[in-house]
PDB file of N, CA and C in Angstrom:
ATOM      1  N   MET A   1       0.818  -1.200   0.000  1.00  0.00           N
ATOM      2  CA  MET A   1       0.000   0.000   0.000  1.00  0.00           C
ATOM      3  C   MET A   1       0.860   1.261   0.000  1.00  0.00           C
ATOM      4  N   TRP A   2       1.862   1.318   0.891  1.00  0.00           N
ATOM      5  CA  TRP A   2       2.687   2.525   0.987  1.00  0.00           C
ATOM      6  C   TRP A   2       3.494   2.761  -0.279  1.00  0.00           C
ATOM      7  N   LEU A   3       3.915   1.660  -0.960  1.00  0.00           N
ATOM      8  CA  LEU A   3       4.678   1.815  -2.195  1.00  0.00           C
ATOM      9  C   LEU A   3       3.845   2.522  -3.248  1.00  0.00           C
ATOM     10  N   ALA A   4       2.608   2.090  -3.395  1.00  0.00           N
ATOM     11  CA  ALA A   4       1.716   2.748  -4.356  1.00  0.00           C
ATOM     12  C   ALA A   4       1.505   4.203  -3.969  1.00  0.00           C
ATOM     13  N   SER A   5       1.406   4.467  -2.677  1.00  0.00           N
ATOM     14  CA  SER A   5       1.211   5.841  -2.215  1.00  0.00           C
ATOM     15  C   SER A   5       2.380   6.725  -2.578  1.00  0.00           C
ATOM     16  N   SER A   6       3.620   6.215  -2.414  1.00  0.00           N
ATOM     17  CA  SER A   6       4.773   7.069  -2.723  1.00  0.00           C
ATOM     18  C   SER A   6       4.809   7.394  -4.208  1.00  0.00           C
ATOM     19  N   CYS A   7       4.429   6.439  -5.057  1.00  0.00           N
ATOM     20  CA  CYS A   7       4.383   6.715  -6.499  1.00  0.00           C
ATOM     21  C   CYS A   7       3.331   7.781  -6.809  1.00  0.00           C
ATOM     22  N   ALA A   8       2.179   7.669  -6.172  1.00  0.00           N
ATOM     23  CA  ALA A   8       1.113   8.647  -6.404  1.00  0.00           C
ATOM     24  C   ALA A   8       1.533  10.031  -5.914  1.00  0.00           C
ATOM     25  N   TYR A   9       2.159  10.088  -4.742  1.00  0.00           N
ATOM     26  CA  TYR A   9       2.591  11.390  -4.219  1.00  0.00           C
ATOM     27  C   TYR A   9       3.704  12.003  -5.066  1.00  0.00           C
ATOM     28  N   ARG A  10       4.593  11.172  -5.580  1.00  0.00           N
ATOM     29  CA  ARG A  10       5.634  11.695  -6.480  1.00  0.00           C
ATOM     30  C   ARG A  10       5.005  12.291  -7.740  1.00  0.00           C
ATOM     31  N   ARG A  11       4.021  11.599  -8.286  1.00  0.00           N
ATOM     32  CA  ARG A  11       3.349  12.105  -9.483  1.00  0.00           C
ATOM     33  C   ARG A  11       2.593  13.397  -9.183  1.00  0.00           C
ATOM     34  N   ALA A  12       1.920  13.430  -8.040  1.00  0.00           N
ATOM     35  CA  ALA A  12       1.200  14.653  -7.655  1.00  0.00           C
ATOM     36  C   ALA A  12       2.173  15.811  -7.484  1.00  0.00           C
ATOM     37  N   LEU A  13       3.303  15.543  -6.841  1.00  0.00           N
ATOM     38  CA  LEU A  13       4.305  16.588  -6.640  1.00  0.00           C
ATOM     39  C   LEU A  13       4.850  17.081  -7.971  1.00  0.00           C
ATOM     40  N   GLU A  14       5.178  16.167  -8.866  1.00  0.00           N
ATOM     41  CA  GLU A  14       5.670  16.566 -10.193  1.00  0.00           C
ATOM     42  C   GLU A  14       4.653  17.449 -10.910  1.00  0.00           C
ATOM     43  N   GLY A  15       3.390  17.060 -10.862  1.00  0.00           N
ATOM     44  CA  GLY A  15       2.345  17.845 -11.513  1.00  0.00           C
ATOM     45  C   GLY A  15       2.187  19.224 -10.894  1.00  0.00           C
ATOM     46  N   ARG A  16       2.181  19.272  -9.580  1.00  0.00           N
ATOM     47  CA  ARG A  16       2.038  20.563  -8.907  1.00  0.00           C
ATOM     48  C   ARG A  16       3.237  21.462  -9.158  1.00  0.00           C
ATOM     49  N   GLU A  17       4.435  20.879  -9.174  1.00  0.00           N
ATOM     50  CA  GLU A  17       5.614  21.707  -9.454  1.00  0.00           C
ATOM     51  C   GLU A  17       5.572  22.262 -10.871  1.00  0.00           C
ATOM     52  N   LYS A  18       5.062  21.472 -11.784  1.00  0.00           N
ATOM     53  CA  LYS A  18       4.981  21.900 -13.179  1.00  0.00           C
ATOM     54  C   LYS A  18       3.937  23.010 -13.353  1.00  0.00           C
ATOM     55  N   VAL A  19       2.784  22.836 -12.725  1.00  0.00           N
ATOM     56  CA  VAL A  19       1.673  23.770 -12.910  1.00  0.00           C
ATOM     57  C   VAL A  19       1.733  24.941 -11.930  1.00  0.00           C
ATOM     58  N   LEU A  20       1.951  24.640 -10.663  1.00  0.00           N
ATOM     59  CA  LEU A  20       1.876  25.669  -9.623  1.00  0.00           C
ATOM     60  C   LEU A  20       3.229  26.240  -9.223  1.00  0.00           C
ATOM     61  N   ARG A  21       4.281  25.562  -9.585  1.00  0.00           N
ATOM     62  CA  ARG A  21       5.651  25.878  -9.165  1.00  0.00           C
ATOM     63  C   ARG A  21       5.858  25.400  -7.737  1.00  0.00           C
ATOM     64  N   HIS A  22       7.073  25.496  -7.271  1.00  0.00           N
ATOM     65  CA  HIS A  22       7.375  24.908  -5.962  1.00  0.00           C
ATOM     66  C   HIS A  22       7.049  25.815  -4.789  1.00  0.00           C
ATOM     67  N   LYS A  23       6.884  27.078  -4.988  1.00  0.00           N
ATOM     68  CA  LYS A  23       6.590  27.991  -3.874  1.00  0.00           C
ATOM     69  C   LYS A  23       5.095  28.266  -3.755  1.00  0.00           C
ATOM     70  N   TYR A  24       4.344  27.205  -3.626  1.00  0.00           N
ATOM     71  CA  TYR A  24       2.890  27.299  -3.540  1.00  0.00           C
ATOM     72  C   TYR A  24       2.425  26.344  -2.442  1.00  0.00           C
ATOM     73  N   PRO A  25       1.494  26.744  -1.584  1.00  0.00           N
ATOM     74  CA  PRO A  25       1.103  25.884  -0.449  1.00  0.00           C
ATOM     75  C   PRO A  25       0.708  24.460  -0.830  1.00  0.00           C
ATOM     76  N   ASP A  26      -0.041  24.272  -1.910  1.00  0.00           N
ATOM     77  CA  ASP A  26      -0.439  22.915  -2.297  1.00  0.00           C
ATOM     78  C   ASP A  26       0.765  22.074  -2.701  1.00  0.00           C
ATOM     79  N   THR A  27       1.745  22.690  -3.320  1.00  0.00           N
ATOM     80  CA  THR A  27       2.960  21.968  -3.685  1.00  0.00           C
ATOM     81  C   THR A  27       3.710  21.552  -2.423  1.00  0.00           C
ATOM     82  N   LEU A  28       3.760  22.441  -1.441  1.00  0.00           N
ATOM     83  CA  LEU A  28       4.426  22.105  -0.184  1.00  0.00           C
ATOM     84  C   LEU A  28       3.698  20.978   0.538  1.00  0.00           C
ATOM     85  N   THR A  29       2.384  20.930   0.431  1.00  0.00           N
ATOM     86  CA  THR A  29       1.619  19.827   1.007  1.00  0.00           C
ATOM     87  C   THR A  29       2.022  18.512   0.352  1.00  0.00           C
ATOM     88  N   SER A  30       2.195  18.525  -0.956  1.00  0.00           N
ATOM     89  CA  SER A  30       2.635  17.310  -1.658  1.00  0.00           C
ATOM     90  C   SER A  30       4.026  16.890  -1.204  1.00  0.00           C
ATOM     91  N   ILE A  31       4.900  17.840  -0.990  1.00  0.00           N
ATOM     92  CA  ILE A  31       6.245  17.520  -0.504  1.00  0.00           C
ATOM     93  C   ILE A  31       6.145  16.849   0.865  1.00  0.00           C
ATOM     94  N   SER A  32       5.374  17.434   1.760  1.00  0.00           N
ATOM     95  CA  SER A  32       5.207  16.870   3.107  1.00  0.00           C
ATOM     96  C   SER A  32       4.582  15.487   3.065  1.00  0.00           C
ATOM     97  N   ASN A  33       3.570  15.314   2.230  1.00  0.00           N
ATOM     98  CA  ASN A  33       2.911  14.008   2.119  1.00  0.00           C
ATOM     99  C   ASN A  33       3.876  12.942   1.615  1.00  0.00           C
ATOM    100  N   LEU A  34       4.714  13.298   0.669  1.00  0.00           N
ATOM    101  CA  LEU A  34       5.706  12.354   0.164  1.00  0.00           C
ATOM    102  C   LEU A  34       6.687  11.981   1.282  1.00  0.00           C
ATOM    103  N   GLY A  35       7.120  12.954   2.047  1.00  0.00           N
ATOM    104  CA  GLY A  35       8.001  12.671   3.178  1.00  0.00           C
ATOM    105  C   GLY A  35       7.357  11.716   4.165  1.00  0.00           C
ATOM    106  N   PHE A  36       6.085  11.932   4.445  1.00  0.00           N
ATOM    107  CA  PHE A  36       5.357  11.062   5.377  1.00  0.00           C
ATOM    108  C   PHE A  36       5.315   9.621   4.876  1.00  0.00           C
ATOM    109  N   VAL A  37       5.003   9.439   3.607  1.00  0.00           N
ATOM    110  CA  VAL A  37       4.911   8.096   3.046  1.00  0.00           C
ATOM    111  C   VAL A  37       6.280   7.425   3.052  1.00  0.00           C
ATOM    112  N   LEU A  38       7.314   8.152   2.688  1.00  0.00           N
ATOM    113  CA  LEU A  38       8.663   7.589   2.717  1.00  0.00           C
ATOM    114  C   LEU A  38       9.047   7.185   4.140  1.00  0.00           C
ATOM    115  N   HIS A  39       8.678   8.016   5.092  1.00  0.00           N
ATOM    116  CA  HIS A  39       8.927   7.703   6.499  1.00  0.00           C
ATOM    117  C   HIS A  39       8.221   6.402   6.876  1.00  0.00           C
ATOM    118  N   LYS A  40       6.951   6.265   6.490  1.00  0.00           N
ATOM    119  CA  LYS A  40       6.188   5.055   6.788  1.00  0.00           C
ATOM    120  C   LYS A  40       6.775   3.818   6.105  1.00  0.00           C
ATOM    121  N   GLN A  41       7.406   4.014   4.951  1.00  0.00           N
ATOM    122  CA  GLN A  41       8.048   2.909   4.238  1.00  0.00           C
ATOM    123  C   GLN A  41       9.387   2.522   4.873  1.00  0.00           C
ATOM    124  N   GLY A  42       9.824   3.300   5.848  1.00  0.00           N
ATOM    125  CA  GLY A  42      11.114   3.031   6.476  1.00  0.00           C
ATOM    126  C   GLY A  42      12.286   3.635   5.710  1.00  0.00           C
ATOM    127  N   LYS A  43      11.999   4.478   4.739  1.00  0.00           N
ATOM    128  CA  LYS A  43      13.043   5.150   3.952  1.00  0.00           C
ATOM    129  C   LYS A  43      13.379   6.475   4.631  1.00  0.00           C
ATOM    130  N   HIS A  44      13.925   6.369   5.824  1.00  0.00           N
ATOM    131  CA  HIS A  44      14.131   7.538   6.674  1.00  0.00           C
ATOM    132  C   HIS A  44      15.121   8.538   6.090  1.00  0.00           C
ATOM    133  N   LYS A  45      16.162   8.062   5.431  1.00  0.00           N
ATOM    134  CA  LYS A  45      17.147   8.976   4.847  1.00  0.00           C
ATOM    135  C   LYS A  45      16.498   9.817   3.740  1.00  0.00           C
ATOM    136  N   GLU A  46      15.716   9.167   2.900  1.00  0.00           N
ATOM    137  CA  GLU A  46      15.025   9.895   1.830  1.00  0.00           C
ATOM    138  C   GLU A  46      13.961  10.822   2.417  1.00  0.00           C
ATOM    139  N   ALA A  47      13.267  10.337   3.439  1.00  0.00           N
ATOM    140  CA  ALA A  47      12.260  11.168   4.107  1.00  0.00           C
ATOM    141  C   ALA A  47      12.913  12.391   4.736  1.00  0.00           C
ATOM    142  N   GLU A  48      14.112  12.220   5.296  1.00  0.00           N
ATOM    143  CA  GLU A  48      14.819  13.359   5.895  1.00  0.00           C
ATOM    144  C   GLU A  48      15.042  14.459   4.864  1.00  0.00           C
ATOM    145  N   ALA A  49      15.510  14.089   3.685  1.00  0.00           N
ATOM    146  CA  ALA A  49      15.769  15.090   2.634  1.00  0.00           C
ATOM    147  C   ALA A  49      14.480  15.809   2.234  1.00  0.00           C
ATOM    148  N   ILE A  50      13.403  15.055   2.107  1.00  0.00           N
ATOM    149  CA  ILE A  50      12.111  15.643   1.726  1.00  0.00           C
ATOM    150  C   ILE A  50      11.600  16.554   2.844  1.00  0.00           C
ATOM    151  N   TYR A  51      11.683  16.092   4.089  1.00  0.00           N
ATOM    152  CA  TYR A  51      11.237  16.913   5.224  1.00  0.00           C
ATOM    153  C   TYR A  51      12.071  18.184   5.364  1.00  0.00           C
ATOM    154  N   ARG A  52      13.377  18.093   5.112  1.00  0.00           N
ATOM    155  CA  ARG A  52      14.215  19.303   5.161  1.00  0.00           C
ATOM    156  C   ARG A  52      13.752  20.310   4.104  1.00  0.00           C
ATOM    157  N   ARG A  53      13.473  19.804   2.922  1.00  0.00           N
ATOM    158  CA  ARG A  53      12.992  20.683   1.857  1.00  0.00           C
ATOM    159  C   ARG A  53      11.667  21.322   2.246  1.00  0.00           C
ATOM    160  N   ALA A  54      10.749  20.516   2.771  1.00  0.00           N
ATOM    161  CA  ALA A  54       9.442  21.044   3.166  1.00  0.00           C
ATOM    162  C   ALA A  54       9.601  22.117   4.235  1.00  0.00           C
ATOM    163  N   PHE A  55      10.401  21.846   5.250  1.00  0.00           N
ATOM    164  CA  PHE A  55      10.603  22.809   6.336  1.00  0.00           C
ATOM    165  C   PHE A  55      11.187  24.114   5.806  1.00  0.00           C
ATOM    166  N   LYS A  56      12.209  24.010   4.977  1.00  0.00           N
ATOM    167  CA  LYS A  56      12.850  25.200   4.403  1.00  0.00           C
ATOM    168  C   LYS A  56      11.840  26.026   3.601  1.00  0.00           C
ATOM    169  N   GLU A  57      11.083  25.362   2.758  1.00  0.00           N
ATOM    170  CA  GLU A  57      10.157  26.086   1.886  1.00  0.00           C
ATOM    171  C   GLU A  57       8.942  26.610   2.644  1.00  0.00           C
ATOM    172  N   TYR A  58       8.466  25.881   3.637  1.00  0.00           N
ATOM    173  CA  TYR A  58       7.380  26.408   4.479  1.00  0.00           C
ATOM    174  C   TYR A  58       7.836  27.669   5.212  1.00  0.00           C
ATOM    175  N   LYS A  59       9.061  27.648   5.748  1.00  0.00           N
ATOM    176  CA  LYS A  59       9.576  28.837   6.449  1.00  0.00           C
ATOM    177  C   LYS A  59       9.619  30.030   5.519  1.00  0.00           C
ATOM    178  N   GLU A  60      10.070  29.805   4.285  1.00  0.00           N
ATOM    179  CA  GLU A  60      10.175  30.900   3.320  1.00  0.00           C
ATOM    180  C   GLU A  60       8.811  31.420   2.885  1.00  0.00           C
ATOM    181  N   LEU A  61       7.878  30.514   2.649  1.00  0.00           N
ATOM    182  CA  LEU A  61       6.582  30.913   2.099  1.00  0.00           C
ATOM    183  C   LEU A  61       5.594  31.358   3.179  1.00  0.00           C
ATOM    184  N   LEU A  62       5.503  30.582   4.259  1.00  0.00           N
ATOM    185  CA  LEU A  62       4.460  30.828   5.251  1.00  0.00           C
ATOM    186  C   LEU A  62       4.989  31.383   6.574  1.00  0.00           C
ATOM    187  N   ARG A  63       6.279  31.410   6.734  1.00  0.00           N
ATOM    188  CA  ARG A  63       6.959  31.895   7.943  1.00  0.00           C
ATOM    189  C   ARG A  63       7.060  30.811   9.002  1.00  0.00           C
ATOM    190  N   ARG A  64       7.835  31.105  10.009  1.00  0.00           N
ATOM    191  CA  ARG A  64       8.218  30.131  11.029  1.00  0.00           C
ATOM    192  C   ARG A  64       7.085  29.657  11.932  1.00  0.00           C
ATOM    193  N   LYS A  65       6.128  30.499  12.233  1.00  0.00           N
ATOM    194  CA  LYS A  65       5.096  30.136  13.207  1.00  0.00           C
ATOM    195  C   LYS A  65       3.783  29.678  12.583  1.00  0.00           C
ATOM    196  N   HIS A  66       3.763  29.494  11.295  1.00  0.00           N
ATOM    197  CA  HIS A  66       2.558  28.990  10.641  1.00  0.00           C
ATOM    198  C   HIS A  66       2.366  27.517  11.030  1.00  0.00           C
ATOM    199  N   PRO A  67       1.126  27.083  11.251  1.00  0.00           N
ATOM    200  CA  PRO A  67       0.893  25.690  11.658  1.00  0.00           C
ATOM    201  C   PRO A  67       1.533  24.639  10.737  1.00  0.00           C
ATOM    202  N   HIS A  68       1.532  24.877   9.427  1.00  0.00           N
ATOM    203  CA  HIS A  68       2.153  23.908   8.511  1.00  0.00           C
ATOM    204  C   HIS A  68       3.670  23.863   8.688  1.00  0.00           C
ATOM    205  N   THR A  69       4.265  25.006   8.960  1.00  0.00           N
ATOM    206  CA  THR A  69       5.701  25.043   9.225  1.00  0.00           C
ATOM    207  C   THR A  69       6.004  24.279  10.505  1.00  0.00           C
ATOM    208  N   LEU A  70       5.162  24.455  11.509  1.00  0.00           N
ATOM    209  CA  LEU A  70       5.363  23.762  12.785  1.00  0.00           C
ATOM    210  C   LEU A  70       5.211  22.252  12.625  1.00  0.00           C
ATOM    211  N   ILE A  71       4.299  21.826  11.788  1.00  0.00           N
ATOM    212  CA  ILE A  71       4.168  20.396  11.513  1.00  0.00           C
ATOM    213  C   ILE A  71       5.417  19.888  10.808  1.00  0.00           C
ATOM    214  N   SER A  72       5.940  20.669   9.873  1.00  0.00           N
ATOM    215  CA  SER A  72       7.104  20.210   9.121  1.00  0.00           C
ATOM    216  C   SER A  72       8.353  20.112  10.003  1.00  0.00           C
ATOM    217  N   VAL A  73       8.546  21.041  10.931  1.00  0.00           N
ATOM    218  CA  VAL A  73       9.706  20.941  11.820  1.00  0.00           C
ATOM    219  C   VAL A  73       9.536  19.750  12.751  1.00  0.00           C
ATOM    220  N   ASN A  74       8.317  19.477  13.171  1.00  0.00           N
ATOM    221  CA  ASN A  74       8.045  18.310  14.003  1.00  0.00           C
ATOM    222  C   ASN A  74       8.352  17.017  13.236  1.00  0.00           C
ATOM    223  N   ASN A  75       7.905  16.947  11.985  1.00  0.00           N
ATOM    224  CA  ASN A  75       8.170  15.764  11.165  1.00  0.00           C
ATOM    225  C   ASN A  75       9.665  15.553  10.971  1.00  0.00           C
ATOM    226  N   LEU A  76      10.382  16.641  10.713  1.00  0.00           N
ATOM    227  CA  LEU A  76      11.829  16.541  10.544  1.00  0.00           C
ATOM    228  C   LEU A  76      12.475  16.028  11.825  1.00  0.00           C
ATOM    229  N   GLY A  77      12.074  16.559  12.952  1.00  0.00           N
ATOM    230  CA  GLY A  77      12.610  16.088  14.224  1.00  0.00           C
ATOM    231  C   GLY A  77      12.343  14.611  14.439  1.00  0.00           C
ATOM    232  N   PHE A  78      11.156  14.164  14.069  1.00  0.00           N
ATOM    233  CA  PHE A  78      10.788  12.764  14.261  1.00  0.00           C
ATOM    234  C   PHE A  78      11.661  11.838  13.422  1.00  0.00           C
ATOM    235  N   VAL A  79      11.882  12.193  12.151  1.00  0.00           N
ATOM    236  CA  VAL A  79      12.692  11.316  11.296  1.00  0.00           C
ATOM    237  C   VAL A  79      14.174  11.391  11.694  1.00  0.00           C
ATOM    238  N   LEU A  80      14.629  12.548  12.155  1.00  0.00           N
ATOM    239  CA  LEU A  80      16.006  12.641  12.650  1.00  0.00           C
ATOM    240  C   LEU A  80      16.199  11.722  13.857  1.00  0.00           C
ATOM    241  N   HIS A  81      15.207  11.659  14.703  1.00  0.00           N
ATOM    242  CA  HIS A  81      15.242  10.751  15.845  1.00  0.00           C
ATOM    243  C   HIS A  81      15.360   9.304  15.367  1.00  0.00           C
ATOM    244  N   LYS A  82      14.564   8.940  14.371  1.00  0.00           N
ATOM    245  CA  LYS A  82      14.610   7.584  13.812  1.00  0.00           C
ATOM    246  C   LYS A  82      15.987   7.258  13.240  1.00  0.00           C
ATOM    247  N   LEU A  83      16.676   8.274  12.706  1.00  0.00           N
ATOM    248  CA  LEU A  83      18.004   8.076  12.119  1.00  0.00           C
ATOM    249  C   LEU A  83      19.125   8.109  13.162  1.00  0.00           C
ATOM    250  N   GLY A  84      18.753   8.332  14.421  1.00  0.00           N
ATOM    251  CA  GLY A  84      19.760   8.376  15.479  1.00  0.00           C
ATOM    252  C   GLY A  84      20.486   9.704  15.575  1.00  0.00           C
ATOM    253  N   LYS A  85      19.957  10.726  14.935  1.00  0.00           N
ATOM    254  CA  LYS A  85      20.543  12.071  14.987  1.00  0.00           C
ATOM    255  C   LYS A  85      19.877  12.831  16.132  1.00  0.00           C
ATOM    256  N   TYR A  86      20.166  12.378  17.346  1.00  0.00           N
ATOM    257  CA  TYR A  86      19.431  12.830  18.528  1.00  0.00           C
ATOM    258  C   TYR A  86      19.610  14.307  18.841  1.00  0.00           C
ATOM    259  N   GLU A  87      20.822  14.819  18.704  1.00  0.00           N
ATOM    260  CA  GLU A  87      21.039  16.241  19.029  1.00  0.00           C
ATOM    261  C   GLU A  87      20.250  17.148  18.091  1.00  0.00           C
ATOM    262  N   GLU A  88      20.300  16.841  16.812  1.00  0.00           N
ATOM    263  CA  GLU A  88      19.560  17.659  15.846  1.00  0.00           C
ATOM    264  C   GLU A  88      18.050  17.467  16.017  1.00  0.00           C
ATOM    265  N   ALA A  89      17.639  16.244  16.314  1.00  0.00           N
ATOM    266  CA  ALA A  89      16.216  15.975  16.566  1.00  0.00           C
ATOM    267  C   ALA A  89      15.735  16.780  17.771  1.00  0.00           C
ATOM    268  N   GLU A  90      16.559  16.839  18.810  1.00  0.00           N
ATOM    269  CA  GLU A  90      16.193  17.620  19.993  1.00  0.00           C
ATOM    270  C   GLU A  90      16.012  19.091  19.639  1.00  0.00           C
ATOM    271  N   ILE A  91      16.916  19.621  18.837  1.00  0.00           N
ATOM    272  CA  ILE A  91      16.814  21.029  18.428  1.00  0.00           C
ATOM    273  C   ILE A  91      15.502  21.271  17.677  1.00  0.00           C
ATOM    274  N   MET A  92      15.165  20.382  16.747  1.00  0.00           N
ATOM    275  CA  MET A  92      13.934  20.542  15.967  1.00  0.00           C
ATOM    276  C   MET A  92      12.704  20.462  16.875  1.00  0.00           C
ATOM    277  N   HIS A  93      12.703  19.497  17.781  1.00  0.00           N
ATOM    278  CA  HIS A  93      11.540  19.349  18.666  1.00  0.00           C
ATOM    279  C   HIS A  93      11.424  20.517  19.642  1.00  0.00           C
ATOM    280  N   ARG A  94      12.544  21.048  20.092  1.00  0.00           N
ATOM    281  CA  ARG A  94      12.484  22.232  20.966  1.00  0.00           C
ATOM    282  C   ARG A  94      11.936  23.436  20.195  1.00  0.00           C
ATOM    283  N   GLN A  95      12.352  23.586  18.939  1.00  0.00           N
ATOM    284  CA  GLN A  95      11.814  24.677  18.113  1.00  0.00           C
ATOM    285  C   GLN A  95      10.304  24.522  17.939  1.00  0.00           C
ATOM    286  N   ALA A  96       9.884  23.312  17.626  1.00  0.00           N
ATOM    287  CA  ALA A  96       8.453  23.067  17.431  1.00  0.00           C
ATOM    288  C   ALA A  96       7.676  23.335  18.715  1.00  0.00           C
ATOM    289  N   LEU A  97       8.203  22.870  19.832  1.00  0.00           N
ATOM    290  CA  LEU A  97       7.523  23.056  21.112  1.00  0.00           C
ATOM    291  C   LEU A  97       7.419  24.530  21.471  1.00  0.00           C
ATOM    292  N   GLU A  98       8.512  25.250  21.363  1.00  0.00           N
ATOM    293  CA  GLU A  98       8.498  26.675  21.708  1.00  0.00           C
ATOM    294  C   GLU A  98       7.484  27.437  20.858  1.00  0.00           C
ATOM    295  N   ALA A  99       7.513  27.193  19.562  1.00  0.00           N
ATOM    296  CA  ALA A  99       6.584  27.897  18.670  1.00  0.00           C
ATOM    297  C   ALA A  99       5.140  27.488  18.936  1.00  0.00           C
ATOM    298  N   ARG A 100       4.917  26.211  19.158  1.00  0.00           N
ATOM    299  CA  ARG A 100       3.552  25.753  19.418  1.00  0.00           C
ATOM    300  C   ARG A 100       3.018  26.302  20.733  1.00  0.00           C
ATOM    301  N   GLU A 101       3.870  26.402  21.743  1.00  0.00           N
ATOM    302  CA  GLU A 101       3.419  27.004  23.002  1.00  0.00           C
ATOM    303  C   GLU A 101       3.025  28.459  22.792  1.00  0.00           C
ATOM    304  N   ASN A 102       3.773  29.175  21.964  1.00  0.00           N
ATOM    305  CA  ASN A 102       3.476  30.582  21.692  1.00  0.00           C
ATOM    306  C   ASN A 102       2.250  30.764  20.804  1.00  0.00           C
ATOM    307  N   VAL A 103       2.117  29.924  19.795  1.00  0.00           N
ATOM    308  CA  VAL A 103       1.055  30.089  18.807  1.00  0.00           C
ATOM    309  C   VAL A 103      -0.228  29.365  19.222  1.00  0.00           C
ATOM    310  N   LEU A 104      -0.095  28.120  19.629  1.00  0.00           N
ATOM    311  CA  LEU A 104      -1.271  27.289  19.886  1.00  0.00           C
ATOM    312  C   LEU A 104      -1.635  27.197  21.363  1.00  0.00           C
ATOM    313  N   ARG A 105      -0.697  27.514  22.209  1.00  0.00           N
ATOM    314  CA  ARG A 105      -0.828  27.433  23.671  1.00  0.00           C
ATOM    315  C   ARG A 105      -0.580  26.003  24.149  1.00  0.00           C
ATOM    316  N   TYR A 106      -0.405  25.890  25.439  1.00  0.00           N
ATOM    317  CA  TYR A 106       0.011  24.642  26.073  1.00  0.00           C
ATOM    318  C   TYR A 106      -1.011  23.519  25.915  1.00  0.00           C
ATOM    319  N   GLU A 107      -2.291  23.823  25.969  1.00  0.00           N
ATOM    320  CA  GLU A 107      -3.329  22.805  25.988  1.00  0.00           C
ATOM    321  C   GLU A 107      -3.618  22.175  24.620  1.00  0.00           C
ATOM    322  N   HIS A 108      -3.103  22.748  23.567  1.00  0.00           N
ATOM    323  CA  HIS A 108      -3.400  22.253  22.222  1.00  0.00           C
ATOM    324  C   HIS A 108      -2.766  20.868  22.010  1.00  0.00           C
ATOM    325  N   PRO A 109      -3.481  19.967  21.348  1.00  0.00           N
ATOM    326  CA  PRO A 109      -2.937  18.619  21.114  1.00  0.00           C
ATOM    327  C   PRO A 109      -1.583  18.608  20.388  1.00  0.00           C
ATOM    328  N   HIS A 110      -1.361  19.542  19.472  1.00  0.00           N
ATOM    329  CA  HIS A 110      -0.072  19.578  18.779  1.00  0.00           C
ATOM    330  C   HIS A 110       1.055  19.988  19.729  1.00  0.00           C
ATOM    331  N   THR A 111       0.767  20.869  20.658  1.00  0.00           N
ATOM    332  CA  THR A 111       1.773  21.260  21.653  1.00  0.00           C
ATOM    333  C   THR A 111       2.099  20.068  22.547  1.00  0.00           C
ATOM    334  N   ILE A 112       1.087  19.365  22.970  1.00  0.00           N
ATOM    335  CA  ILE A 112       1.304  18.185  23.805  1.00  0.00           C
ATOM    336  C   ILE A 112       2.072  17.122  23.029  1.00  0.00           C
ATOM    337  N   ASN A 113       1.801  16.993  21.745  1.00  0.00           N
ATOM    338  CA  ASN A 113       2.546  16.075  20.890  1.00  0.00           C
ATOM    339  C   ASN A 113       4.025  16.461  20.850  1.00  0.00           C
ATOM    340  N   SER A 114       4.302  17.754  20.777  1.00  0.00           N
ATOM    341  CA  SER A 114       5.699  18.212  20.774  1.00  0.00           C
ATOM    342  C   SER A 114       6.393  17.893  22.096  1.00  0.00           C
ATOM    343  N   ILE A 115       5.682  18.031  23.191  1.00  0.00           N
ATOM    344  CA  ILE A 115       6.253  17.674  24.497  1.00  0.00           C
ATOM    345  C   ILE A 115       6.604  16.191  24.508  1.00  0.00           C
ATOM    346  N   ASN A 116       5.689  15.384  24.016  1.00  0.00           N
ATOM    347  CA  ASN A 116       5.915  13.937  23.947  1.00  0.00           C
ATOM    348  C   ASN A 116       7.131  13.609  23.073  1.00  0.00           C
ATOM    349  N   ASN A 117       7.205  14.223  21.883  1.00  0.00           N
ATOM    350  CA  ASN A 117       8.309  13.945  20.965  1.00  0.00           C
ATOM    351  C   ASN A 117       9.647  14.365  21.549  1.00  0.00           C
ATOM    352  N   LEU A 118       9.668  15.498  22.219  1.00  0.00           N
ATOM    353  CA  LEU A 118      10.904  15.932  22.876  1.00  0.00           C
ATOM    354  C   LEU A 118      11.297  14.935  23.960  1.00  0.00           C
ATOM    355  N   GLY A 119      10.325  14.464  24.725  1.00  0.00           N
ATOM    356  CA  GLY A 119      10.595  13.469  25.749  1.00  0.00           C
ATOM    357  C   GLY A 119      11.186  12.196  25.177  1.00  0.00           C
ATOM    358  N   LEU A 120      10.675  11.743  24.034  1.00  0.00           N
ATOM    359  CA  LEU A 120      11.199  10.548  23.387  1.00  0.00           C
ATOM    360  C   LEU A 120      12.665  10.724  22.989  1.00  0.00           C
ATOM    361  N   VAL A 121      12.989  11.895  22.457  1.00  0.00           N
ATOM    362  CA  VAL A 121      14.376  12.161  22.060  1.00  0.00           C
ATOM    363  C   VAL A 121      15.279  12.219  23.289  1.00  0.00           C
ATOM    364  N   LEU A 122      14.832  12.897  24.314  1.00  0.00           N
ATOM    365  CA  LEU A 122      15.657  13.027  25.527  1.00  0.00           C
ATOM    366  C   LEU A 122      15.858  11.677  26.209  1.00  0.00           C
ATOM    367  N   ASP A 123      14.941  10.754  26.005  1.00  0.00           N
ATOM    368  CA  ASP A 123      15.051   9.422  26.603  1.00  0.00           C
ATOM    369  C   ASP A 123      15.946   8.491  25.779  1.00  0.00           C
ATOM    370  N   SER A 124      16.354   8.927  24.597  1.00  0.00           N
ATOM    371  CA  SER A 124      17.161   8.066  23.705  1.00  0.00           C
ATOM    372  C   SER A 124      18.624   8.073  24.096  1.00  0.00           C
TER     373      SER A 124
END
């Protein structure tokens, strides 16, 4: 199932880049979705590259505190953790947590998710 998904997301991304260009929110969604599928397939190194691209482009297009940017930094931190890059994963999760506390507040499920993810990294 995930293999078919990665092919579909790659095709969607190619189409969106061709029609919408890469600096468009829907294109960034396709980038993030592809990273997610690659992560689920266990292709963490490839997912890392895709998540880095998504995070960089979300920051440029939507700014650092936009919810999609915060999701992308969280995703990057998660895959870095899977790759054993604990120090960098901690930095990403701390960034996500700080921004989510400021933007979404402490009680929001995404903020609590960031607390959990940071805890997982610190326990590694």
